[in-house]
């Protein structure tokens, strides 16, 4: 007979002393910070105050045009609910190729150099995962869209922020790019027009950047989701610069300019070798973008769909001028955004951090905007205000912010 002390011991986890299920998580998932935008808008949701004016979420206030919605509904009624080819419907890729040629002087082979993705976000994720080896450095001008750095970390890379400044209209300068490059640098991520600053870069301003890219053998991921929202002049794609097409993965989509955020329709274009690698990852993880969304995107690129897009662009331009002038009139410095649908006023004159200002503005004036520090280097002291909402709401928000500033005096 075996005595109790001789029986083999079975380890039992002490749940009272464990850290819950955190111990099972991969370190790269555990260490990613929550979205600064989501954290702030959780405060908005928690308040349940219907009088809050939101200038925060980067989403058009327009409903997807009727003709686009109708095309998707019709396809469902006809039973078009099967998978599409992994790279996307051939007719949609053809239409995207024609659109890029007509509007941005870019030529891509829809059969080899293009993939339809689940929003531009998947395109960015695919590009980074296809390119990054552990330890590679990814250069990211900041303030910027908040997802670049976390996706880089998940892929094993190291995001290196390059600070941009209001006095340079938040444009990437050749000097700052050169200073950030090391032997480990592999990818430069560009987002112009910019979220959150509304900055653009002209063809001439990108030429010296392209020269540095070639000198240091870099690949560029050019996030051009706001390309259509360029207000004074025509958008210049980085891929259109001499020698840059093969070095550039162009990522764009239908969310912003076509008011199709919830449809999650994007695309990526680039050298066949790069797109082929991205397609393999896409095949194993997503299979294909939603068929009904692809039908809707195809309709958006028809003549009528493009006319609807242009009508929305005119409205954004009107609101842009209203908001920028409003901030300046109340004494807040605000560079003129030349693209996207964001204003990025400075709140440094108040003596508060951007987070303090945003939280106080929400609680006391019932206006929600995003504190600039969540967008990385150079964002502290600024506030991202999305003007993709009605003129009446914008006027009311500006009045509330003005009164709030006066209360601080």
Protein backbone atom coordinates (compact mmCIF):
# COMPACT_ATOMS: atom_id res chain seq x y z
CA UNK A 1 0.00 0.00 0.00
CA UNK A 2 1.39 3.40 -1.01
CA UNK A 3 1.49 5.98 1.72
CA UNK A 4 0.08 9.46 1.01
CA UNK A 5 3.49 11.09 1.19
CA UNK A 6 4.78 8.69 -1.45
CA UNK A 7 1.99 9.38 -3.97
CA UNK A 8 3.03 11.50 -7.00
CA UNK A 9 2.11 15.14 -6.61
CA UNK A 10 -0.13 16.76 -9.25
CA UNK A 11 0.47 20.47 -9.68
CA UNK A 12 -2.71 22.50 -9.35
CA UNK A 13 -2.72 26.14 -10.41
CA UNK A 14 -3.66 28.49 -7.62
CA UNK A 15 -6.14 30.78 -9.35
CA UNK A 16 -6.01 33.20 -6.44
CA UNK A 17 -2.31 33.84 -7.10
CA UNK A 18 -2.28 33.58 -10.91
CA UNK A 19 -2.56 36.47 -13.31
CA UNK A 20 -5.70 35.07 -14.91
CA UNK A 21 -5.34 33.98 -18.52
CA UNK A 22 -2.66 36.60 -19.22
CA UNK A 23 0.05 33.99 -18.71
CA UNK A 24 -1.07 32.20 -21.86
CA UNK A 25 -0.75 35.25 -24.10
CA UNK A 26 2.17 35.78 -26.45
CA UNK A 27 4.30 38.66 -25.22
CA UNK A 28 3.84 40.64 -28.45
CA UNK A 29 0.05 40.51 -28.02
CA UNK A 30 0.14 41.23 -24.29
CA UNK A 31 2.39 44.26 -24.66
CA UNK A 32 0.40 46.06 -27.38
CA UNK A 33 -1.31 49.07 -25.79
CA UNK A 34 -5.05 49.50 -26.33
CA UNK A 35 -6.06 52.00 -29.00
CA UNK A 36 -5.82 55.52 -27.62
CA UNK A 37 -8.79 56.52 -29.75
CA UNK A 38 -10.94 53.65 -28.49
CA UNK A 39 -9.99 54.33 -24.86
CA UNK A 40 -11.09 57.91 -25.18
CA UNK A 41 -14.36 57.11 -26.91
CA UNK A 42 -15.18 54.53 -24.29
CA UNK A 43 -15.56 57.59 -22.07
CA UNK A 44 -18.04 59.01 -24.57
CA UNK A 45 -20.04 55.76 -24.63
CA UNK A 46 -19.98 55.46 -20.85
CA UNK A 47 -21.42 58.95 -20.41
CA UNK A 48 -24.60 58.07 -22.39
CA UNK A 49 -25.06 61.81 -22.89
CA UNK A 50 -26.94 62.35 -26.16
CA UNK A 51 -25.93 66.00 -26.24
CA UNK A 52 -22.27 65.21 -26.95
CA UNK A 53 -20.99 66.37 -30.35
CA UNK A 54 -18.40 63.94 -31.65
CA UNK A 55 -15.49 65.19 -33.75
CA UNK A 56 -13.49 62.08 -33.14
CA UNK A 57 -14.21 59.02 -35.25
CA UNK A 58 -12.63 59.28 -38.69
CA UNK A 59 -15.74 58.37 -40.61
CA UNK A 60 -17.85 60.22 -43.19
CA UNK A 61 -21.26 61.36 -41.99
CA UNK A 62 -22.63 60.54 -45.42
CA UNK A 63 -24.50 57.29 -45.95
CA UNK A 64 -23.10 55.12 -48.72
CA UNK A 65 -24.75 56.42 -51.92
CA UNK A 66 -28.06 54.77 -52.77
CA UNK A 67 -26.92 53.37 -56.11
CA UNK A 68 -23.99 51.60 -54.42
CA UNK A 69 -26.22 50.09 -51.74
CA UNK A 70 -28.77 49.07 -54.35
CA UNK A 71 -26.16 47.22 -56.40
CA UNK A 72 -25.19 45.17 -53.34
CA UNK A 73 -28.82 44.41 -52.47
CA UNK A 74 -29.53 43.34 -56.06
CA UNK A 75 -26.54 41.00 -56.03
CA UNK A 76 -27.85 39.38 -52.84
CA UNK A 77 -31.29 38.95 -54.36
CA UNK A 78 -29.62 37.22 -57.30
CA UNK A 79 -27.85 34.86 -54.90
CA UNK A 80 -24.30 36.11 -55.49
CA UNK A 81 -23.03 34.96 -52.11
CA UNK A 82 -20.13 32.67 -53.08
CA UNK A 83 -16.40 33.22 -52.65
CA UNK A 84 -14.70 35.41 -55.20
CA UNK A 85 -11.19 34.66 -56.50
CA UNK A 86 -8.65 35.22 -53.71
CA UNK A 87 -7.29 38.39 -55.29
CA UNK A 88 -10.79 39.78 -55.83
CA UNK A 89 -13.35 39.86 -58.63
CA UNK A 90 -11.53 40.34 -61.96
CA UNK A 91 -13.98 43.02 -63.07
CA UNK A 92 -13.39 44.99 -59.85
CA UNK A 93 -9.63 44.79 -60.26
CA UNK A 94 -9.98 45.96 -63.85
CA UNK A 95 -12.10 48.91 -62.67
CA UNK A 96 -9.60 49.82 -59.94
CA UNK A 97 -6.79 49.70 -62.49
CA UNK A 98 -8.70 52.01 -64.83
CA UNK A 99 -9.54 54.37 -61.96
CA UNK A 100 -5.89 54.63 -60.86
CA UNK A 101 -4.84 55.28 -64.46
CA UNK A 102 -7.48 57.95 -65.06
CA UNK A 103 -7.02 59.84 -61.79
CA UNK A 104 -3.44 59.28 -60.65
CA UNK A 105 -1.53 58.30 -63.81
CA UNK A 106 -0.66 54.88 -62.40
CA UNK A 107 -0.55 51.69 -64.45
CA UNK A 108 -1.01 48.31 -62.75
CA UNK A 109 -1.71 44.86 -64.17
CA UNK A 110 -4.96 43.79 -62.44
CA UNK A 111 -3.98 40.14 -62.84
CA UNK A 112 -0.52 40.30 -61.22
CA UNK A 113 -0.08 43.60 -59.42
CA UNK A 114 -3.29 44.01 -57.44
CA UNK A 115 -5.20 42.42 -54.57
CA UNK A 116 -8.60 43.37 -53.13
CA UNK A 117 -8.43 43.44 -49.33
CA UNK A 118 -10.71 43.74 -46.32
CA UNK A 119 -10.26 47.48 -46.01
CA UNK A 120 -7.01 49.35 -46.40
CA UNK A 121 -6.06 48.08 -42.95
CA UNK A 122 -5.69 44.52 -44.18
CA UNK A 123 -3.57 45.78 -47.05
CA UNK A 124 -1.17 47.43 -44.60
CA UNK A 125 -1.09 44.32 -42.42
CA UNK A 126 -0.40 42.04 -45.40
CA UNK A 127 2.37 44.30 -46.68
CA UNK A 128 4.14 44.47 -43.32
CA UNK A 129 3.82 40.73 -42.67
CA UNK A 130 5.10 39.91 -46.14
CA UNK A 131 8.17 42.13 -45.75
CA UNK A 132 9.28 42.14 -42.12
CA UNK A 133 12.00 39.89 -40.73
CA UNK A 134 12.50 39.97 -36.93
CA UNK A 135 14.41 43.11 -35.96
CA UNK A 136 13.76 45.05 -39.17
CA UNK A 137 13.18 48.75 -38.57
CA UNK A 138 10.09 50.38 -40.04
CA UNK A 139 10.27 54.16 -40.42
CA UNK A 140 7.01 55.96 -39.67
CA UNK A 141 6.54 59.77 -39.87
CA UNK A 142 4.51 60.89 -36.85
CA UNK A 143 1.88 62.01 -35.85
CA UNK A 144 0.27 59.18 -37.82
CA UNK A 145 -2.51 56.62 -38.02
CA UNK A 146 -2.30 54.62 -34.82
CA UNK A 147 -2.15 51.11 -36.31
CA UNK A 148 1.24 51.16 -38.03
CA UNK A 149 3.35 50.61 -34.91
CA UNK A 150 1.26 47.79 -33.36
CA UNK A 151 1.05 45.89 -36.65
CA UNK A 152 4.82 46.25 -37.02
CA UNK A 153 5.33 44.82 -33.52
CA UNK A 154 3.03 41.87 -34.27
CA UNK A 155 5.15 41.13 -37.34
CA UNK A 156 8.40 41.14 -35.35
CA UNK A 157 9.62 44.51 -36.58
CA UNK A 158 10.59 47.67 -34.74
CA UNK A 159 8.67 50.86 -35.50
CA UNK A 160 10.86 53.98 -35.55
CA UNK A 161 8.90 57.20 -35.30
CA UNK A 162 10.12 60.25 -37.21
CA UNK A 163 8.70 63.41 -35.71
CA UNK A 164 7.18 65.99 -38.05
CA UNK A 165 6.32 69.56 -37.07
CA UNK A 166 3.58 72.12 -37.58
CA UNK A 167 6.09 74.67 -38.88
CA UNK A 168 6.79 72.21 -41.75
CA UNK A 169 3.05 71.59 -42.23
CA UNK A 170 3.73 68.10 -40.78
CA UNK A 171 5.54 67.02 -43.93
CA UNK A 172 8.40 64.51 -43.83
CA UNK A 173 11.68 66.30 -44.54
CA UNK A 174 14.71 64.69 -46.21
CA UNK A 175 16.88 65.71 -43.24
CA UNK A 176 14.70 63.97 -40.66
CA UNK A 177 14.44 60.84 -42.81
CA UNK A 178 18.22 60.60 -43.25
CA UNK A 179 18.74 61.06 -39.52
CA UNK A 180 16.43 58.12 -38.72
CA UNK A 181 17.94 55.57 -41.12
CA UNK A 182 20.17 52.81 -39.73
CA UNK A 183 21.54 49.59 -41.25
CA UNK A 184 18.38 47.86 -39.97
CA UNK A 185 15.99 50.19 -41.79
CA UNK A 186 13.92 48.34 -44.38
CA UNK A 187 10.52 50.01 -44.88
CA UNK A 188 9.25 53.57 -44.97
CA UNK A 189 5.52 53.99 -44.28
CA UNK A 190 3.96 57.11 -45.77
CA UNK A 191 0.41 58.37 -45.25
CA UNK A 192 -0.37 61.48 -47.30
CA UNK A 193 -2.90 63.03 -47.08
CA UNK A 194 -2.30 62.45 -43.40
CA UNK A 195 -4.42 61.14 -40.60
CA UNK A 196 -4.43 63.02 -38.18
CA UNK A 197 -2.88 66.25 -39.48
CA UNK A 198 -4.43 66.65 -42.93
CA UNK A 199 -0.94 67.30 -44.34
CA UNK A 200 -0.10 66.46 -47.95
CA UNK A 201 3.16 66.17 -49.85
CA UNK A 202 3.48 67.42 -53.41
CA UNK A 203 5.28 65.60 -56.20
CA UNK A 204 8.22 68.01 -55.91
CA UNK A 205 8.44 67.57 -52.14
CA UNK A 206 8.55 63.78 -52.47
CA UNK A 207 11.36 63.72 -55.03
CA UNK A 208 14.19 64.06 -52.46
CA UNK A 209 12.45 61.43 -50.30
CA UNK A 210 12.45 59.08 -53.29
CA UNK A 211 16.16 59.68 -53.79
CA UNK A 212 16.88 58.66 -50.19
CA UNK A 213 14.65 55.61 -50.54
CA UNK A 214 16.68 54.48 -53.54
CA UNK A 215 20.03 55.25 -51.92
CA UNK A 216 19.20 53.12 -48.88
CA UNK A 217 17.33 50.39 -50.75
CA UNK A 218 14.08 50.87 -48.86
CA UNK A 219 10.59 49.61 -49.64
CA UNK A 220 7.72 52.11 -49.25
CA UNK A 221 4.22 51.31 -48.05
CA UNK A 222 2.18 54.28 -49.23
CA UNK A 223 -1.18 54.53 -47.45
CA UNK A 224 -3.25 56.68 -49.83
CA UNK A 225 -6.71 56.06 -48.39
CA UNK A 226 -7.35 59.84 -48.38
CA UNK A 227 -5.96 60.46 -51.89
CA UNK A 228 -9.27 61.75 -53.24
CA UNK A 229 -9.54 64.23 -50.37
CA UNK A 230 -6.82 66.57 -51.67
CA UNK A 231 -8.26 70.07 -51.81
CA UNK A 232 -5.77 72.47 -53.40
CA UNK A 233 -4.29 70.67 -56.36
CA UNK A 234 -4.12 67.02 -57.38
CA UNK A 235 -2.90 64.14 -55.23
CA UNK A 236 0.54 62.82 -56.18
CA UNK A 237 1.08 59.12 -55.52
CA UNK A 238 4.52 58.11 -54.32
CA UNK A 239 4.42 55.23 -56.80
CA UNK A 240 4.27 57.76 -59.66
CA UNK A 241 7.77 59.11 -58.91
CA UNK A 242 10.66 57.98 -61.16
CA UNK A 243 11.86 54.52 -60.14
CA UNK A 244 9.41 54.21 -57.25
CA UNK A 245 6.64 52.01 -58.67
CA UNK A 246 8.50 48.73 -58.04
CA UNK A 247 9.62 49.93 -54.59
CA UNK A 248 6.13 50.99 -53.50
CA UNK A 249 3.16 49.05 -52.20
CA UNK A 250 0.19 51.36 -52.74
CA UNK A 251 -2.63 50.80 -50.26
CA UNK A 252 -6.02 52.45 -50.65
CA UNK A 253 -9.71 51.70 -50.55
CA UNK A 254 -13.30 52.89 -50.55
CA UNK A 255 -13.91 53.74 -46.88
CA UNK A 256 -13.25 57.47 -46.80
CA UNK A 257 -13.87 59.04 -50.20
CA UNK A 258 -16.78 56.76 -51.07
CA UNK A 259 -18.41 56.72 -47.59
CA UNK A 260 -18.05 52.94 -47.32
CA UNK A 261 -16.32 52.42 -43.96
CA UNK A 262 -18.49 49.50 -42.83
CA UNK A 263 -18.15 47.66 -46.14
CA UNK A 264 -14.42 47.07 -45.43
CA UNK A 265 -13.26 47.31 -49.03
CA UNK A 266 -9.64 48.11 -49.85
CA UNK A 267 -6.90 47.19 -52.26
CA UNK A 268 -3.14 47.03 -52.59
CA UNK A 269 -1.01 47.41 -55.71
CA UNK A 270 2.66 46.73 -56.27
CA UNK A 271 5.37 44.63 -57.87
CA UNK A 272 4.14 41.10 -58.74
CA UNK A 273 6.62 39.49 -56.34
CA UNK A 274 5.35 41.59 -53.44
CA UNK A 275 1.67 41.17 -54.27
CA UNK A 276 2.15 37.42 -54.74
CA UNK A 277 3.57 37.11 -51.21
CA UNK A 278 0.75 39.21 -49.77
CA UNK A 279 -1.80 37.09 -51.65
CA UNK A 280 -0.46 33.90 -50.05
CA UNK A 281 -1.01 35.34 -46.57
CA UNK A 282 -4.45 36.62 -47.63
CA UNK A 283 -5.39 33.15 -48.92
CA UNK A 284 -4.64 31.46 -45.62
CA UNK A 285 -6.14 34.11 -43.33
CA UNK A 286 -9.06 35.81 -45.10
CA UNK A 287 -9.68 33.81 -48.30
CA UNK A 288 -11.26 36.77 -50.10
CA UNK A 289 -12.97 40.08 -49.44
CA UNK A 290 -16.79 39.90 -49.07
CA UNK A 291 -18.43 39.37 -52.45
CA UNK A 292 -21.31 41.80 -51.85
CA UNK A 293 -18.82 44.47 -50.78
CA UNK A 294 -16.89 43.95 -54.00
CA UNK A 295 -20.08 44.40 -56.00
CA UNK A 296 -20.73 47.65 -54.14
CA UNK A 297 -17.16 48.85 -54.76
CA UNK A 298 -17.51 48.13 -58.47
CA UNK A 299 -20.66 50.27 -58.59
CA UNK A 300 -18.84 53.07 -56.73
CA UNK A 301 -16.36 53.27 -59.60
CA UNK A 302 -19.03 53.82 -62.25
CA UNK A 303 -19.70 57.31 -63.63
CA UNK A 304 -22.62 57.85 -61.27
CA UNK A 305 -20.65 56.61 -58.27
CA UNK A 306 -17.76 58.94 -59.04
CA UNK A 307 -20.14 61.88 -59.32
CA UNK A 308 -21.47 61.08 -55.83
CA UNK A 309 -17.89 60.97 -54.56
CA UNK A 310 -17.14 64.40 -56.03
CA UNK A 311 -20.26 65.87 -54.42
CA UNK A 312 -19.09 64.68 -51.01
CA UNK A 313 -15.60 66.09 -51.61
CA UNK A 314 -17.04 69.56 -52.25
CA UNK A 315 -18.90 69.41 -48.95
CA UNK A 316 -15.75 68.38 -47.04
CA UNK A 317 -13.85 71.30 -48.53
CA UNK A 318 -16.52 73.73 -47.36
CA UNK A 319 -16.40 72.29 -43.84
CA UNK A 320 -12.60 72.35 -43.83
CA UNK A 321 -12.52 76.10 -44.37
CA UNK A 322 -15.22 76.65 -41.75
CA UNK A 323 -13.42 74.66 -39.03
CA UNK A 324 -9.91 75.99 -39.62
CA UNK A 325 -11.12 79.59 -39.60
CA UNK A 326 -13.21 78.86 -36.52
CA UNK A 327 -10.21 77.63 -34.55
CA UNK A 328 -8.10 80.58 -35.64
CA UNK A 329 -10.82 83.07 -34.73
CA UNK A 330 -10.98 81.71 -31.18
CA UNK A 331 -7.21 82.03 -30.77
CA UNK A 332 -6.02 78.46 -31.40
CA UNK A 333 -3.17 78.01 -33.86
CA UNK A 334 -4.19 75.64 -36.64
CA UNK A 335 -2.20 74.85 -39.75
CA UNK A 336 -4.31 74.55 -42.88
CA UNK A 337 -4.97 70.88 -43.68
CA UNK A 338 -4.67 70.32 -47.41
CA UNK A 339 -6.19 66.85 -47.37
CA UNK A 340 -8.20 64.18 -45.48
CA UNK A 341 -11.01 65.46 -43.23
CA UNK A 342 -9.20 66.40 -40.04
CA UNK A 343 -8.13 69.67 -38.42
CA UNK A 344 -5.24 69.51 -35.95
CA UNK A 345 -5.34 72.66 -33.80
CA UNK A 346 -2.74 73.35 -31.13
CA UNK A 347 -3.97 73.57 -27.52
CA UNK A 348 -0.54 74.29 -26.04
CA UNK A 349 -1.55 77.86 -25.22
CA UNK A 350 -3.93 76.52 -22.55
CA UNK A 351 -1.09 75.00 -20.53
CA UNK A 352 -2.81 71.61 -20.50
CA UNK A 353 -1.70 68.36 -22.09
CA UNK A 354 -3.73 67.21 -25.05
CA UNK A 355 -5.35 64.49 -22.95
CA UNK A 356 -6.24 66.88 -20.13
CA UNK A 357 -7.73 69.32 -22.62
CA UNK A 358 -9.73 66.62 -24.44
CA UNK A 359 -11.16 65.14 -21.25
CA UNK A 360 -12.07 68.53 -19.82
CA UNK A 361 -13.62 69.57 -23.14
CA UNK A 362 -15.72 66.41 -23.13
CA UNK A 363 -16.89 66.77 -19.54
CA UNK A 364 -17.53 70.50 -19.52
CA UNK A 365 -18.39 71.42 -23.11
CA UNK A 366 -19.69 68.06 -24.33
CA UNK A 367 -17.46 68.01 -27.40
CA UNK A 368 -15.45 64.88 -28.12
CA UNK A 369 -12.15 65.08 -29.99
CA UNK A 370 -9.02 62.93 -29.91
CA UNK A 371 -5.94 64.04 -27.91
CA UNK A 372 -2.98 64.33 -30.25
CA UNK A 373 -0.50 62.33 -28.18
CA UNK A 374 -2.15 59.03 -29.20
CA UNK A 375 -0.80 59.57 -32.75
CA UNK A 376 2.85 59.45 -31.71
CA UNK A 377 5.77 61.87 -31.77
CA UNK A 378 4.78 65.47 -32.32
CA UNK A 379 1.14 64.88 -31.47
CA UNK A 380 1.28 66.14 -27.91
CA UNK A 381 -0.27 69.56 -27.55
CA UNK A 382 -2.68 69.07 -30.45
CA UNK A 383 -6.25 67.86 -30.89
CA UNK A 384 -7.60 65.85 -33.81
CA UNK A 385 -10.99 67.12 -34.89
CA UNK A 386 -12.81 65.29 -37.68
CA UNK A 387 -14.98 67.69 -39.66
CA UNK A 388 -16.89 64.94 -41.49
CA UNK A 389 -20.11 65.94 -39.78
CA UNK A 390 -22.88 68.40 -40.56
CA UNK A 391 -22.23 72.14 -40.80
CA UNK A 392 -24.81 72.74 -38.07
CA UNK A 393 -23.00 70.36 -35.72
CA UNK A 394 -19.65 71.91 -36.58
CA UNK A 395 -20.90 75.41 -35.85
CA UNK A 396 -22.32 74.28 -32.52
CA UNK A 397 -19.07 72.46 -31.64
CA UNK A 398 -16.99 75.53 -32.47
CA UNK A 399 -19.22 77.71 -30.30
CA UNK A 400 -18.91 75.29 -27.39
CA UNK A 401 -15.12 75.11 -27.73
CA UNK A 402 -14.93 78.91 -27.86
CA UNK A 403 -16.98 79.24 -24.67
CA UNK A 404 -14.88 76.54 -23.04
CA UNK A 405 -11.68 78.42 -23.84
CA UNK A 406 -13.12 81.63 -22.39
CA UNK A 407 -13.96 79.75 -19.18
CA UNK A 408 -10.27 78.85 -18.82
CA UNK A 409 -9.13 82.48 -18.85
